[in-house]
Protein backbone atom coordinates (compact mmCIF):
# COMPACT_ATOMS: atom_id res chain seq x y z
CA MET A 1 58.19 167.97 77.54
CA SER A 2 57.57 168.28 73.82
CA PRO A 3 56.55 165.21 71.77
CA GLU A 4 59.85 165.40 69.88
CA LEU A 5 61.88 165.27 73.11
CA VAL A 6 59.78 162.37 74.36
CA MET A 7 60.46 160.48 71.11
CA TRP A 8 64.23 160.97 71.41
CA PHE A 9 64.19 160.03 75.11
CA VAL A 10 62.30 156.80 74.40
CA LEU A 11 64.66 155.97 71.52
CA ALA A 12 67.70 156.56 73.75
CA MET A 13 66.24 154.28 76.43
CA LYS A 14 65.59 151.56 73.87
CA MET A 15 69.17 151.77 72.63
CA ALA A 16 70.65 151.75 76.15
CA VAL A 17 68.59 148.80 77.41
CA THR A 18 69.41 146.70 74.36
CA ALA A 19 73.12 147.56 74.48
CA LEU A 20 73.40 146.58 78.15
CA PHE A 21 71.56 143.31 77.53
CA VAL A 22 73.77 142.33 74.59
CA THR A 23 76.98 143.31 76.40
CA ALA A 24 76.07 141.12 79.37
CA ALA A 25 75.14 138.21 77.12
CA THR A 26 78.38 138.30 75.12
CA ILE A 27 80.57 138.57 78.24
CA ILE A 28 78.92 135.43 79.60
CA ALA A 29 79.45 133.75 76.24
CA GLU A 30 83.20 134.42 76.22
CA ARG A 31 83.68 132.83 79.64
CA LEU A 32 81.98 129.57 78.65
CA GLY A 33 84.01 128.66 75.56
CA ALA A 34 83.41 128.48 71.80
CA THR A 35 80.43 126.13 71.76
CA VAL A 36 78.43 127.67 74.59
CA GLY A 37 79.54 131.13 73.55
CA ALA A 38 78.14 130.56 70.08
CA LEU A 39 74.85 129.29 71.49
CA VAL A 40 74.46 132.40 73.64
CA ALA A 41 75.48 134.70 70.78
CA THR A 42 72.88 133.17 68.44
CA LEU A 43 70.02 133.83 70.81
CA PRO A 44 68.04 136.81 69.46
CA VAL A 45 69.81 139.29 71.74
CA SER A 46 70.01 141.83 68.91
CA ALA A 47 67.16 141.06 66.52
CA GLY A 48 64.83 140.19 69.41
CA PRO A 49 64.87 143.62 71.06
CA VAL A 50 64.62 145.25 67.64
CA TYR A 51 61.44 143.30 66.93
CA VAL A 52 60.04 144.10 70.37
CA PHE A 53 60.51 147.80 69.74
CA LEU A 54 59.07 147.50 66.23
CA ALA A 55 56.04 145.75 67.73
CA LEU A 56 55.49 148.72 70.03
CA ASP A 57 55.30 151.05 67.03
CA HIS A 58 53.66 148.87 64.35
CA ASP A 59 50.86 146.35 63.97
CA ALA A 60 51.13 142.57 63.72
CA ALA A 61 50.97 142.59 59.92
CA PHE A 62 54.09 144.78 59.82
CA ILE A 63 55.92 142.34 62.14
CA SER A 64 54.83 139.36 60.06
CA ALA A 65 56.01 140.97 56.83
CA SER A 66 59.35 141.98 58.37
CA ALA A 67 59.91 138.47 59.74
CA ILE A 68 59.66 136.82 56.32
CA VAL A 69 62.31 139.19 54.95
CA SER A 70 64.51 138.49 57.98
CA LEU A 71 64.04 134.76 57.41
CA ALA A 72 65.24 134.96 53.81
CA LEU A 73 68.23 137.07 54.82
CA ASN A 74 69.10 134.72 57.68
CA SER A 75 70.74 132.66 54.95
CA ALA A 76 72.94 135.66 54.13
CA THR A 77 74.17 135.64 57.73
CA ALA A 78 75.06 131.95 57.44
CA ILE A 79 77.12 132.72 54.32
CA TYR A 80 78.71 135.67 56.13
CA LEU A 81 79.82 133.47 59.04
CA THR A 82 81.05 130.72 56.75
CA ALA A 83 83.12 133.15 54.67
CA TYR A 84 84.75 134.53 57.82
CA VAL A 85 85.46 131.06 59.23
CA LEU A 86 87.29 130.07 56.05
CA ILE A 87 89.37 133.18 55.50
CA ALA A 88 90.18 133.87 59.18
CA GLN A 89 92.25 130.69 59.38
CA ARG A 90 95.14 132.44 57.63
CA ARG A 91 94.30 136.10 57.07
CA SER A 92 94.24 139.28 59.14
CA MET A 93 91.25 140.54 61.09
CA TRP A 94 90.41 143.38 58.72
CA LEU A 95 90.73 141.29 55.57
CA SER A 96 88.63 138.51 57.08
CA ILE A 97 85.87 140.81 58.28
CA SER A 98 85.85 142.91 55.10
CA PHE A 99 85.65 139.87 52.82
CA ALA A 100 82.85 138.32 54.87
CA PHE A 101 80.91 141.60 54.96
CA VAL A 102 81.20 142.03 51.19
CA MET A 103 79.79 138.53 50.80
CA TRP A 104 76.89 139.46 53.10
CA LEU A 105 76.15 142.63 51.11
CA VAL A 106 76.21 140.77 47.80
CA VAL A 107 73.76 138.14 49.06
CA VAL A 108 71.50 140.77 50.67
CA PHE A 109 71.32 142.81 47.47
CA ALA A 110 70.55 139.66 45.51
CA LEU A 111 67.81 138.45 47.88
CA SER A 112 66.13 141.69 48.96
CA PRO A 113 64.18 142.40 45.71
CA VAL A 114 62.59 138.92 45.75
CA ARG A 115 59.00 138.64 46.97
CA TRP A 116 59.48 135.84 49.46
CA THR A 117 56.83 133.50 50.71
CA ALA A 118 57.16 131.56 53.95
CA TRP A 119 58.03 128.32 52.23
CA SER A 120 60.39 129.70 49.59
CA ALA A 121 62.35 131.52 52.32
CA PHE A 122 62.38 128.36 54.44
CA ALA A 123 63.61 126.27 51.49
CA LEU A 124 66.40 128.78 50.87
CA ASN A 125 67.48 128.50 54.51
CA LEU A 126 67.39 124.71 54.39
CA ILE A 127 69.69 124.58 51.36
CA VAL A 128 72.11 127.26 52.54
CA PHE A 129 72.41 126.02 56.12
CA THR A 130 72.93 122.41 55.05
CA ALA A 131 75.87 123.50 52.89
CA CYS A 132 77.31 125.94 55.43
CA ILE A 133 77.15 123.50 58.37
CA PHE A 134 79.01 120.93 56.28
CA VAL A 135 81.72 123.48 55.39
CA VAL A 136 82.33 124.88 58.91
CA GLN A 137 82.14 121.59 60.83
CA PRO A 138 85.92 120.91 60.74
CA PHE A 139 86.63 124.31 62.35
CA CYS A 140 84.40 123.97 65.42
CA LEU A 141 86.82 122.35 67.86
CA VAL A 142 89.60 124.95 68.27
CA ARG A 143 90.24 125.66 71.96
CA MET A 144 89.42 129.18 73.20
CA PRO A 145 92.45 130.61 75.08
CA PRO A 146 92.04 132.84 78.16
CA THR A 147 91.37 136.49 77.32
CA THR A 148 91.59 139.85 79.01
CA ARG A 149 88.91 142.47 78.59
CA PRO A 150 90.07 146.07 77.86
CA TRP A 151 87.85 149.03 78.62
CA TYR A 152 86.98 149.68 74.97
CA ASP A 153 85.50 146.19 74.72
CA PHE A 154 82.33 147.33 76.48
CA VAL A 155 82.14 150.56 74.49
CA LEU A 156 82.43 148.71 71.18
CA ARG A 157 79.80 146.12 72.01
CA ALA A 158 77.34 148.63 73.40
CA GLY A 159 77.91 151.14 70.61
CA LEU A 160 77.41 148.66 67.76
CA VAL A 161 74.19 147.21 69.12
CA ALA A 162 72.75 150.54 70.29
CA SER A 163 73.41 152.03 66.86
CA LEU A 164 71.58 149.19 65.12
CA VAL A 165 68.54 149.51 67.37
CA GLY A 166 68.49 153.28 66.92
CA VAL A 167 68.69 153.05 63.13
CA VAL A 168 66.00 150.38 62.82
CA VAL A 169 63.51 152.03 65.16
CA ALA A 170 64.09 155.53 63.75
CA LEU A 171 63.92 154.47 60.10
CA SER A 172 61.21 151.81 60.32
CA PHE A 173 58.45 154.29 59.45
CA GLN A 174 60.32 155.35 56.29
CA ILE A 175 61.76 152.03 55.09
CA GLY A 176 58.72 149.84 55.79
CA PRO A 177 58.65 146.17 56.78
CA THR A 178 61.12 145.04 54.09
CA GLY A 179 63.83 147.49 55.12
CA SER A 180 63.17 146.85 58.80
CA GLY A 181 63.47 143.11 58.22
CA VAL A 182 66.86 143.64 56.55
CA LEU A 183 68.24 145.85 59.30
CA ALA A 184 66.87 143.64 62.10
CA VAL A 185 69.13 140.76 61.01
CA PHE A 186 72.21 142.89 60.31
CA PRO A 187 74.99 140.73 61.84
CA VAL A 188 76.05 143.25 64.49
CA ILE A 189 76.62 140.62 67.20
CA TYR A 190 78.84 138.48 64.99
CA MET A 191 80.75 141.49 63.71
CA SER A 192 81.40 142.64 67.27
CA ILE A 193 82.67 139.14 68.15
CA MET A 194 85.02 139.26 65.16
CA LEU A 195 86.31 142.73 66.03
CA ILE A 196 86.86 141.94 69.70
CA LEU A 197 88.11 138.36 69.67
CA HIS A 198 90.18 138.12 66.49
CA ARG A 199 92.86 140.53 67.71
CA ARG A 200 92.92 138.95 71.20
CA VAL A 201 92.79 135.20 70.52
CA GLY A 202 93.52 134.92 66.80
CA GLY A 203 91.53 133.96 63.73
CA PRO A 204 91.14 130.20 64.23
CA ALA A 205 89.81 130.51 67.80
CA THR A 206 87.39 133.29 66.80
CA ALA A 207 86.34 131.26 63.78
CA ALA A 208 85.55 128.33 66.09
CA VAL A 209 82.98 130.44 67.94
CA LEU A 210 81.34 131.50 64.69
CA ALA A 211 81.52 128.01 63.18
CA ASN A 212 79.56 126.74 66.18
CA ALA A 213 77.10 129.58 65.65
CA VAL A 214 76.00 128.38 62.19
CA PRO A 215 73.86 125.38 63.27
CA ALA A 216 72.45 127.42 66.16
CA LEU A 217 71.54 130.22 63.76
CA ALA A 218 69.35 127.77 61.87
CA GLY A 219 67.08 127.73 64.91
CA PHE A 220 66.71 131.47 64.67
CA GLY A 221 65.43 130.92 61.14
CA VAL A 222 62.78 128.53 62.45
CA ALA A 223 61.80 131.14 65.04
CA LEU A 224 61.42 133.77 62.31
CA LEU A 225 59.24 131.43 60.26
CA VAL A 226 56.96 130.84 63.24
CA LEU A 227 56.88 134.57 64.01
CA HIS A 228 55.74 135.26 60.45
CA LEU A 229 53.04 132.61 60.57
CA ILE A 230 51.51 133.41 63.98
CA ALA A 231 52.05 137.18 64.41
CA VAL A 232 48.71 138.12 62.89
CA PRO A 233 46.47 135.38 64.37
CA LEU A 234 48.02 135.50 67.88
CA GLY A 235 49.22 139.07 68.05
CA SER A 236 52.77 140.42 68.09
CA ALA A 237 53.42 139.96 71.83
CA ALA A 238 52.46 136.27 71.96
CA ALA A 239 54.24 135.55 68.67
CA LEU A 240 57.48 137.12 69.91
CA VAL A 241 57.36 135.06 73.11
CA VAL A 242 56.84 131.85 71.13
CA ALA A 243 59.67 132.75 68.72
CA LEU A 244 62.03 133.42 71.62
CA GLY A 245 61.08 130.08 73.18
CA ILE A 246 61.89 128.28 69.93
CA SER A 247 65.36 129.85 69.80
CA VAL A 248 66.08 128.92 73.42
CA VAL A 249 64.87 125.33 73.04
CA TRP A 250 66.76 124.87 69.74
CA ASN A 251 70.02 126.03 71.30
CA ALA A 252 69.43 123.90 74.40
CA ILE A 253 69.02 120.83 72.17
CA ILE A 254 72.24 121.65 70.29
CA TYR A 255 74.06 122.07 73.61
CA ALA A 256 72.80 118.69 74.81
CA ILE A 257 73.91 117.03 71.57
CA ARG A 258 77.38 118.64 71.70
CA ARG A 259 77.80 117.71 75.37
CA ARG A 260 76.82 114.13 74.66
CA GLN A 261 79.30 113.99 71.77
CA ALA A 262 82.06 115.39 74.00
CA LEU A 263 81.38 112.82 76.71
CA ALA A 264 81.35 110.03 74.15
């Protein structure tokens, strides 16, 4: 088999494995309600595999540099979710998604040229997430109605995530760590949730899932900060494991807090 065919085969396998993983994770999320669904959705089921595949092709310095860009742009995702939560209360699916995506693009274009340091990116996240959590808090408690799952549900989820992984891995050698960091945090999971749930359960219920995702997404920012700081001294593999552990523990803490509040 020629090297070119091997490259395309490996890329296809990476896309397929990631798509199956994300599809399974989001199906589980839907069955457990808005709060738990948001906590599952905010685990690095999209960005995580992308970074694993980047680590197979690049050194630890590349991963560290990409992570700091992803950290800065994590704030853009928080703004994206907040914009959708607000407009989806009264507007159609396409208007809500389009408006939120335009907001994401504007913030990304504004933040991408900046030469971020670990602490400036962390400060940006702290300010943005504090504001966004305050704004979305009143929309977190809408009940998730029962849903049915049409056949195209699986195709849409798998196709969106597989496409993202394919683009990032294929382009990472040309676009460098900055471009890879941008694409790694492209909000494909949240967009797929919007596309699938809004039509089936309505804007307010879908917005409740994404409103609950905002505080959980802050933990992903902490994981990216740690990944940036320890990728070079510990190596990419160990740093990715630690970052994943931080995301899981953060979401577990949020779940415990929400459960305690519900019982109270």
